[in-house]
Structures are given as structure tokens and as C-alpha cells.
Amino acid sequence: MDSVEQMRVLGDPTRVRILALIRTTADGRALVGDLARALDLRQPTVSHHMKALAHAGIVHRDPDGRRVWYSIAPDVAERVDAVLGAGDAVDGPAPDLDRIASDLDIRFRGVFARETVRAVVGESYDLLAAAGPRPLLASRSASFAASRLEALARAGDAERSSDAVPTVLFVCVQNAGRSQMAGAILRRLAGDAVRVRTAGSRPAAEVRSAIAASLDEIGAALDGEFPKPLTDDAVRAADVVITMGCGDACPVYPGRRYLDWDLKDPVGASPERIRAIRDDIERRVRALLGELLSERSLAVHPIDR
């Protein structure tokens, strides 16, 4: 499989966490069950990611009776090291940003100049690193840069058609609670009908485990999402911007719809309170989705007057 597809597969932070765990085992291989326990994920979820990694040629599958061991494929070990960084420590050696930028340059060739891609990669890394030490900084920088380049491409497309998939941006302070809940729920309900992005005015290092647990209860997966800083390009690419307690941190552009949802912060709340906030968010998301789908239907199939 070519490097573009491998970079796409490696852009998922959950898969990079899996690779990081495999790399740190004594013999460089792991079972799905062990990975699931270490990541606090369900085995079917990990199996799904392993299938994608194996299909992309990033991991090697070694059946052993009823068990299957997974190891990093030798011919992509260098690429994986570039994404993971040279060491296991959060504040270890810097990632290979040149390698990441080169891979993204292939993906966005014909859309952005090479210098633009490299600048976005470097800036994305700096923005995430500015929030303090965090794990998986290289892979998250690659994923964040790819998302920003996609947003820039969309924001710069003056020919947006009336039936284009709408983009919704959820913004809260830390991008570790309310906005992640809303994003996960909308992705579950809308599928490919809506493009979902999230951001924070002061992003935390990780999505809170209590938030992930509350979402898992209703079958809404985070899908490797992580806290990201709010950027101008994300707002410019959005059709609807929904703030949740971040004040006036969002820049305002004409042609966008801005909403402010008055929601309690789930940080430090009891599981029961978190569920109540989650259910409140779900009611709002369902109403928003109904409006978006109705608007899109009218745009695609206008009523004759």
C-alpha cells in the first residue's frame, strides 16, 4: 500500500497508541486482548483498528493456534518511528516533522504548495506542544495538520455547492468534555451527512475518561479524537459554530451560523450529572441535525413556487 494510504491510517491517534504499546513490549508483539485492556477499549474496537493497520501493511499478523500476535512490519518501522518519535517519554526527542510534512504533501498535492503544507505541520505541532507535555504528539500533530489543511481547502473553495456536506464546529474551553460529547453524538447520528469538528479555547491534554465512559454507554465512540486548539481556519471552514462556555474566543465571519449552548461543565461532576449533561447535549444535537438535514433537502430539492 502506498505512503498516502499508510499516512491516512496512521492519522488515527488510537491506532498510534496501539503501535506505541506494541513497540514497548518485550518481544515487539501483542495480542488484541492485552491491547484492549491496556487502552480500556472493547476488543471489537481494537480488532477493527488492527484490521485497518494490517490492511495498510503497518502491522504483521502472526496466527498462533487460536491466538493472533501483531507486530510492526519491518519495512514500515522507520515510518512508524517518525510518527511515534524516537522514545517513549512524553517529552522525548522531537518527532520527524519533515517526514510527516512530506507524506501530507503527497496527500494534498495540487491543492497546496509544499511550503504551505510544511508550515501548517510545524504550526500544528507548536500549537499542540504549547499546551504542555502530552502523549502521541507526533501523530496528533499529523492528524491536526491534516484536519487544518482540509479546513483551509474548504474555506478557500469559492465554488461551494448548495448540496455540500455541512460542517459543524463545537467549541468549549478544554475540548475535553462538552464539545467532545457533542461531536461524538453528532458523528454517530449523522454519519457522513455532516462533517464534525471540535476545538477548545484552552485545550486540555486528554479527553477525560469519565466523558469517554459516558459516551460509550450510548454507543458514541470518540474514534481517536483528542483536544485541539481553536484555529481561525476551523471557524472559516464551518457552516455552524456552536460555543459552550468559551466566551468570545471564536472569531466571527459572515455567512456562518453561530449558536451558544448554555451547558454545565462536566469536569469533576458525578457520573449521574455527566449523564444528564450528555443527554441534554444529545437533545440539542438531534434538533440541530433535523434542521441541517431539512435545509440540505430544500437546497438539493427546492420546492417549486
Protein backbone atom coordinates (compact mmCIF):
# COMPACT_ATOMS: atom_id res chain seq x y z
CA MET A 1 0.00 0.00 0.00
CA ASP A 2 1.34 3.48 -0.84
CA SER A 3 2.55 6.00 1.72
CA VAL A 4 -0.51 8.23 1.30
CA GLU A 5 -2.85 5.48 2.49
CA GLN A 6 -0.46 4.49 5.27
CA MET A 7 -0.35 8.13 6.44
CA ARG A 8 -4.15 8.23 6.46
CA VAL A 9 -4.28 5.09 8.60
CA LEU A 10 -1.59 6.46 10.93
CA GLY A 11 -3.57 9.69 11.31
CA ASP A 12 -5.88 7.99 13.82
CA PRO A 13 -4.48 8.59 17.35
CA THR A 14 -5.99 5.35 18.68
CA ARG A 15 -4.03 3.34 16.11
CA VAL A 16 -0.87 5.19 17.05
CA ARG A 17 -1.48 4.37 20.72
CA ILE A 18 -1.77 0.73 19.68
CA LEU A 19 1.52 0.88 17.79
CA ALA A 20 3.20 2.61 20.73
CA LEU A 21 2.11 -0.22 23.03
CA ILE A 22 3.31 -2.89 20.60
CA ARG A 23 6.66 -1.16 20.28
CA THR A 24 7.20 -1.12 24.04
CA THR A 25 6.52 -4.85 24.61
CA ALA A 26 9.47 -7.08 25.42
CA ASP A 27 9.31 -9.01 22.13
CA GLY A 28 7.68 -6.33 20.00
CA ARG A 29 4.34 -8.06 19.59
CA ALA A 30 0.95 -8.08 21.34
CA LEU A 31 -2.46 -9.73 21.43
CA VAL A 32 -5.71 -7.85 20.82
CA GLY A 33 -7.00 -8.74 24.29
CA ASP A 34 -3.93 -7.30 26.00
CA LEU A 35 -4.13 -4.13 23.91
CA ALA A 36 -7.82 -3.71 24.70
CA ARG A 37 -7.16 -3.94 28.44
CA ALA A 38 -4.24 -1.52 28.29
CA LEU A 39 -6.26 1.03 26.31
CA ASP A 40 -9.50 0.45 28.24
CA LEU A 41 -11.30 -0.31 24.96
CA ARG A 42 -13.54 -3.15 23.85
CA GLN A 43 -11.88 -5.98 21.92
CA PRO A 44 -14.05 -5.46 18.79
CA THR A 45 -12.88 -1.83 18.69
CA VAL A 46 -9.23 -2.83 18.86
CA SER A 47 -9.81 -5.60 16.31
CA HIS A 48 -11.28 -3.04 13.92
CA HIS A 49 -8.14 -0.89 14.22
CA MET A 50 -5.84 -3.91 13.84
CA LYS A 51 -7.64 -4.88 10.63
CA ALA A 52 -7.04 -1.39 9.22
CA LEU A 53 -3.38 -1.45 10.28
CA ALA A 54 -2.86 -4.91 8.80
CA HIS A 55 -4.59 -3.96 5.53
CA ALA A 56 -2.28 -0.95 5.23
CA GLY A 57 0.76 -3.17 5.77
CA ILE A 58 1.70 -1.42 9.01
CA VAL A 59 1.44 -4.46 11.25
CA HIS A 60 2.26 -8.11 10.66
CA ARG A 61 -0.31 -10.75 11.65
CA ASP A 62 1.11 -13.97 13.14
CA PRO A 63 -1.52 -16.67 13.99
CA ASP A 64 -0.62 -18.91 16.93
CA GLY A 65 -3.35 -21.51 17.36
CA ARG A 66 -6.46 -19.62 18.39
CA ARG A 67 -4.43 -16.52 19.18
CA VAL A 68 -3.09 -13.92 16.77
CA TRP A 69 0.01 -11.88 17.57
CA TYR A 70 0.58 -8.49 15.98
CA SER A 71 3.92 -6.79 15.42
CA ILE A 72 5.07 -3.72 13.50
CA ALA A 73 6.01 -4.63 9.91
CA PRO A 74 9.80 -4.23 9.50
CA ASP A 75 9.55 -2.32 6.22
CA VAL A 76 7.45 0.45 7.81
CA ALA A 77 9.24 0.57 11.16
CA GLU A 78 11.06 3.75 10.17
CA ARG A 79 7.81 5.46 9.20
CA VAL A 80 6.17 4.38 12.46
CA ASP A 81 9.18 5.68 14.43
CA ALA A 82 8.81 9.03 12.66
CA VAL A 83 5.22 9.28 13.81
CA LEU A 84 5.75 7.96 17.34
CA GLY A 85 9.01 9.77 17.96
CA ALA A 86 12.26 8.10 18.94
CA GLY A 87 11.40 7.44 22.56
CA ASP A 88 8.52 6.54 24.82
CA ALA A 89 8.63 9.59 27.08
CA VAL A 90 6.11 12.34 26.55
CA ASP A 91 8.90 14.92 26.49
CA GLY A 92 11.31 12.74 24.50
CA PRO A 93 13.07 13.58 21.23
CA ALA A 94 11.20 15.73 18.75
CA PRO A 95 9.19 13.91 16.06
CA ASP A 96 10.26 13.84 12.43
CA LEU A 97 8.14 16.75 11.20
CA ASP A 98 9.87 16.71 7.80
CA ARG A 99 8.75 13.13 7.24
CA ILE A 100 5.19 13.95 8.33
CA ALA A 101 5.11 17.01 6.08
CA SER A 102 6.41 15.01 3.11
CA ASP A 103 3.64 12.46 3.50
CA LEU A 104 0.95 15.14 3.79
CA ASP A 105 2.44 16.91 0.78
CA ILE A 106 1.63 13.80 -1.29
CA ARG A 107 -1.92 13.78 0.05
CA PHE A 108 -2.55 17.47 -0.69
CA ARG A 109 -0.51 17.76 -3.88
CA GLY A 110 -2.25 20.05 -6.34
CA VAL A 111 -4.17 21.73 -3.51
CA PHE A 112 -1.40 23.42 -1.52
CA ALA A 113 2.22 24.30 -2.21
CA ARG A 114 4.81 22.19 -0.41
CA GLU A 115 5.85 25.19 1.68
CA THR A 116 2.26 25.68 2.89
CA VAL A 117 1.96 22.06 3.99
CA ARG A 118 5.25 22.22 5.87
CA ALA A 119 4.25 25.49 7.55
CA VAL A 120 0.91 24.04 8.71
CA VAL A 121 2.61 20.92 10.08
CA GLY A 122 5.12 22.99 12.02
CA GLU A 123 2.49 25.36 13.36
CA SER A 124 0.18 22.48 14.32
CA TYR A 125 2.98 20.84 16.28
CA ASP A 126 3.77 24.13 18.05
CA LEU A 127 0.11 24.72 18.94
CA LEU A 128 -0.29 21.28 20.50
CA ALA A 129 3.09 21.42 22.25
CA ALA A 130 2.26 24.84 23.72
CA ALA A 131 -0.45 23.26 25.86
CA GLY A 132 2.24 21.31 27.74
CA PRO A 133 3.63 17.76 27.60
CA ARG A 134 1.23 15.25 26.11
CA PRO A 135 1.49 11.75 24.67
CA LEU A 136 1.46 10.92 20.96
CA LEU A 137 2.43 14.46 19.99
CA ALA A 138 3.76 13.43 16.59
CA SER A 139 0.70 11.50 15.44
CA ARG A 140 -1.62 14.13 16.84
CA SER A 141 0.31 16.84 15.04
CA ALA A 142 -0.07 14.90 11.80
CA SER A 143 -3.81 14.41 12.35
CA PHE A 144 -4.33 18.04 13.41
CA ALA A 145 -2.36 19.35 10.42
CA ALA A 146 -4.36 17.17 8.01
CA SER A 147 -7.62 18.41 9.52
CA ARG A 148 -6.48 22.03 9.24
CA LEU A 149 -5.41 21.59 5.61
CA GLU A 150 -8.80 20.09 4.80
CA ALA A 151 -10.46 23.05 6.52
CA LEU A 152 -8.29 25.53 4.61
CA ALA A 153 -9.16 23.83 1.33
CA ARG A 154 -12.86 24.02 2.08
CA ALA A 155 -12.73 27.61 3.35
CA GLY A 156 -10.91 28.67 0.21
CA ASP A 157 -13.36 26.96 -2.14
CA ALA A 158 -15.43 29.79 -3.55
CA GLU A 159 -17.48 27.30 -5.51
CA ARG A 160 -19.14 25.55 -2.52
CA SER A 161 -22.21 23.94 -3.97
CA SER A 162 -25.59 24.21 -2.28
CA ASP A 163 -25.65 20.47 -1.62
CA ALA A 164 -22.23 20.40 0.05
CA VAL A 165 -21.98 18.44 3.29
CA PRO A 166 -22.42 20.97 6.14
CA THR A 167 -19.62 21.38 8.66
CA VAL A 168 -20.39 21.86 12.36
CA LEU A 169 -17.71 23.10 14.77
CA PHE A 170 -18.23 22.54 18.51
CA VAL A 171 -16.10 24.72 20.79
CA CYS A 172 -15.69 24.62 24.56
CA VAL A 173 -12.84 25.68 26.84
CA GLN A 174 -10.78 22.48 27.15
CA ASN A 175 -12.19 20.44 24.25
CA ALA A 176 -12.21 17.54 26.70
CA GLY A 177 -15.85 17.42 27.76
CA ARG A 178 -18.88 19.16 26.27
CA SER A 179 -17.59 19.70 22.73
CA GLN A 180 -16.28 16.13 22.55
CA MET A 181 -19.65 14.81 23.71
CA ALA A 182 -21.48 16.84 21.07
CA GLY A 183 -19.05 15.83 18.34
CA ALA A 184 -19.23 12.12 19.12
CA ILE A 185 -23.02 12.14 19.31
CA LEU A 186 -23.42 14.06 16.05
CA ARG A 187 -20.99 11.74 14.24
CA ARG A 188 -22.96 8.73 15.49
CA LEU A 189 -26.32 10.17 14.42
CA ALA A 190 -25.34 11.85 11.15
CA GLY A 191 -22.69 9.56 9.71
CA ASP A 192 -21.35 11.08 6.50
CA ALA A 193 -24.24 13.55 6.23
CA VAL A 194 -22.45 16.11 8.41
CA ARG A 195 -18.77 16.94 8.81
CA VAL A 196 -17.92 17.35 12.51
CA ARG A 197 -15.03 19.24 14.08
CA THR A 198 -14.25 20.18 17.69
CA ALA A 199 -11.82 22.59 19.34
CA GLY A 200 -11.03 24.34 22.62
CA SER A 201 -10.03 27.86 23.55
CA ARG A 202 -7.63 26.38 26.14
CA PRO A 203 -7.36 22.67 25.24
CA ALA A 204 -6.51 20.04 27.83
CA ALA A 205 -4.02 17.24 27.23
CA GLU A 206 -6.59 14.44 27.07
CA VAL A 207 -10.32 13.82 26.82
CA ARG A 208 -11.50 12.99 30.32
CA SER A 209 -12.05 9.30 30.95
CA ALA A 210 -15.45 9.96 32.54
CA ILE A 211 -16.56 11.64 29.32
CA ALA A 212 -15.40 8.70 27.20
CA ALA A 213 -17.19 6.29 29.54
CA SER A 214 -20.47 8.22 29.35
CA LEU A 215 -20.30 8.21 25.56
CA ASP A 216 -19.50 4.51 25.41
CA GLU A 217 -22.70 3.82 27.37
CA ILE A 218 -24.78 5.10 24.47
CA GLY A 219 -22.59 3.70 21.68
CA ALA A 220 -20.99 7.01 20.70
CA ALA A 221 -17.26 6.46 20.18
CA LEU A 222 -14.60 9.15 20.39
CA ASP A 223 -12.87 7.49 17.40
CA GLY A 224 -9.44 8.67 18.46
CA GLU A 225 -10.46 12.29 18.97
CA PHE A 226 -8.22 14.42 21.19
CA PRO A 227 -8.26 18.05 22.45
CA LYS A 228 -7.24 20.55 19.78
CA PRO A 229 -6.77 24.33 19.91
CA LEU A 230 -9.26 26.59 18.20
CA THR A 231 -7.85 27.94 14.93
CA ASP A 232 -9.06 30.54 12.51
CA ASP A 233 -9.18 28.04 9.63
CA ALA A 234 -11.53 25.75 11.56
CA VAL A 235 -14.03 28.58 12.02
CA ARG A 236 -13.74 29.73 8.40
CA ALA A 237 -14.47 26.19 7.17
CA ALA A 238 -17.55 25.76 9.39
CA ASP A 239 -21.16 26.38 8.42
CA VAL A 240 -22.34 26.24 12.03
CA VAL A 241 -20.21 27.21 15.05
CA ILE A 242 -21.54 26.17 18.46
CA THR A 243 -19.84 27.53 21.55
CA MET A 244 -20.20 26.03 25.01
CA GLY A 245 -18.77 28.40 27.56
CA CYS A 246 -15.72 29.73 25.70
CA GLY A 247 -16.99 33.32 25.71
CA ASP A 248 -15.92 35.46 22.77
CA ALA A 249 -12.95 33.27 21.83
CA CYS A 250 -14.40 32.45 18.40
CA PRO A 251 -13.69 34.82 15.50
CA VAL A 252 -16.82 35.88 13.63
CA TYR A 253 -17.15 35.54 9.86
CA PRO A 254 -20.14 36.42 7.71
CA GLY A 255 -22.17 33.55 6.32
CA ARG A 256 -21.69 31.32 9.36
CA ARG A 257 -24.37 30.45 11.85
CA TYR A 258 -23.34 30.97 15.47
CA LEU A 259 -25.07 29.34 18.43
CA ASP A 260 -24.22 29.35 22.12
CA TRP A 261 -25.39 26.38 24.18
CA ASP A 262 -25.60 27.15 27.89
CA LEU A 263 -24.31 23.89 29.36
CA LYS A 264 -22.80 22.99 32.71
CA ASP A 265 -19.16 21.95 32.69
CA PRO A 266 -18.94 18.18 33.41
CA VAL A 267 -15.43 18.46 34.89
CA GLY A 268 -15.47 16.94 38.36
CA ALA A 269 -19.16 16.07 38.15
CA SER A 270 -20.65 12.79 39.35
CA PRO A 271 -21.42 10.09 36.78
CA GLU A 272 -25.14 10.86 37.14
CA ARG A 273 -24.56 14.55 36.48
CA ILE A 274 -22.35 13.79 33.49
CA ARG A 275 -25.09 11.59 32.03
CA ALA A 276 -27.60 14.42 32.50
CA ILE A 277 -25.32 16.84 30.64
CA ARG A 278 -24.74 14.23 27.92
CA ASP A 279 -28.47 13.68 27.46
CA ASP A 280 -29.06 17.44 27.29
CA ILE A 281 -26.40 17.69 24.60
CA GLU A 282 -27.96 14.80 22.69
CA ARG A 283 -31.37 16.51 22.64
CA ARG A 284 -29.80 19.68 21.25
CA VAL A 285 -27.73 17.72 18.69
CA ARG A 286 -30.79 15.83 17.46
CA ALA A 287 -32.69 19.11 16.97
CA LEU A 288 -29.72 20.65 15.13
CA LEU A 289 -29.35 17.61 12.89
CA GLY A 290 -33.03 17.76 11.97
CA GLU A 291 -32.60 21.39 10.93
CA LEU A 292 -29.44 20.69 8.92
CA LEU A 293 -30.95 17.77 7.04
CA SER A 294 -34.11 19.77 6.28
CA GLU A 295 -32.06 22.69 4.99
CA ARG A 296 -29.94 20.39 2.84
CA SER A 297 -33.01 18.66 1.44
CA LEU A 298 -34.53 22.01 0.46
CA ALA A 299 -31.25 23.11 -1.12
CA VAL A 300 -30.95 19.94 -3.17
CA HIS A 301 -34.69 19.63 -3.97
CA PRO A 302 -36.11 23.16 -3.90
CA ILE A 303 -39.88 23.44 -3.73
CA ASP A 304 -41.46 24.83 -6.90
CA ARG A 305 -43.32 28.02 -6.23
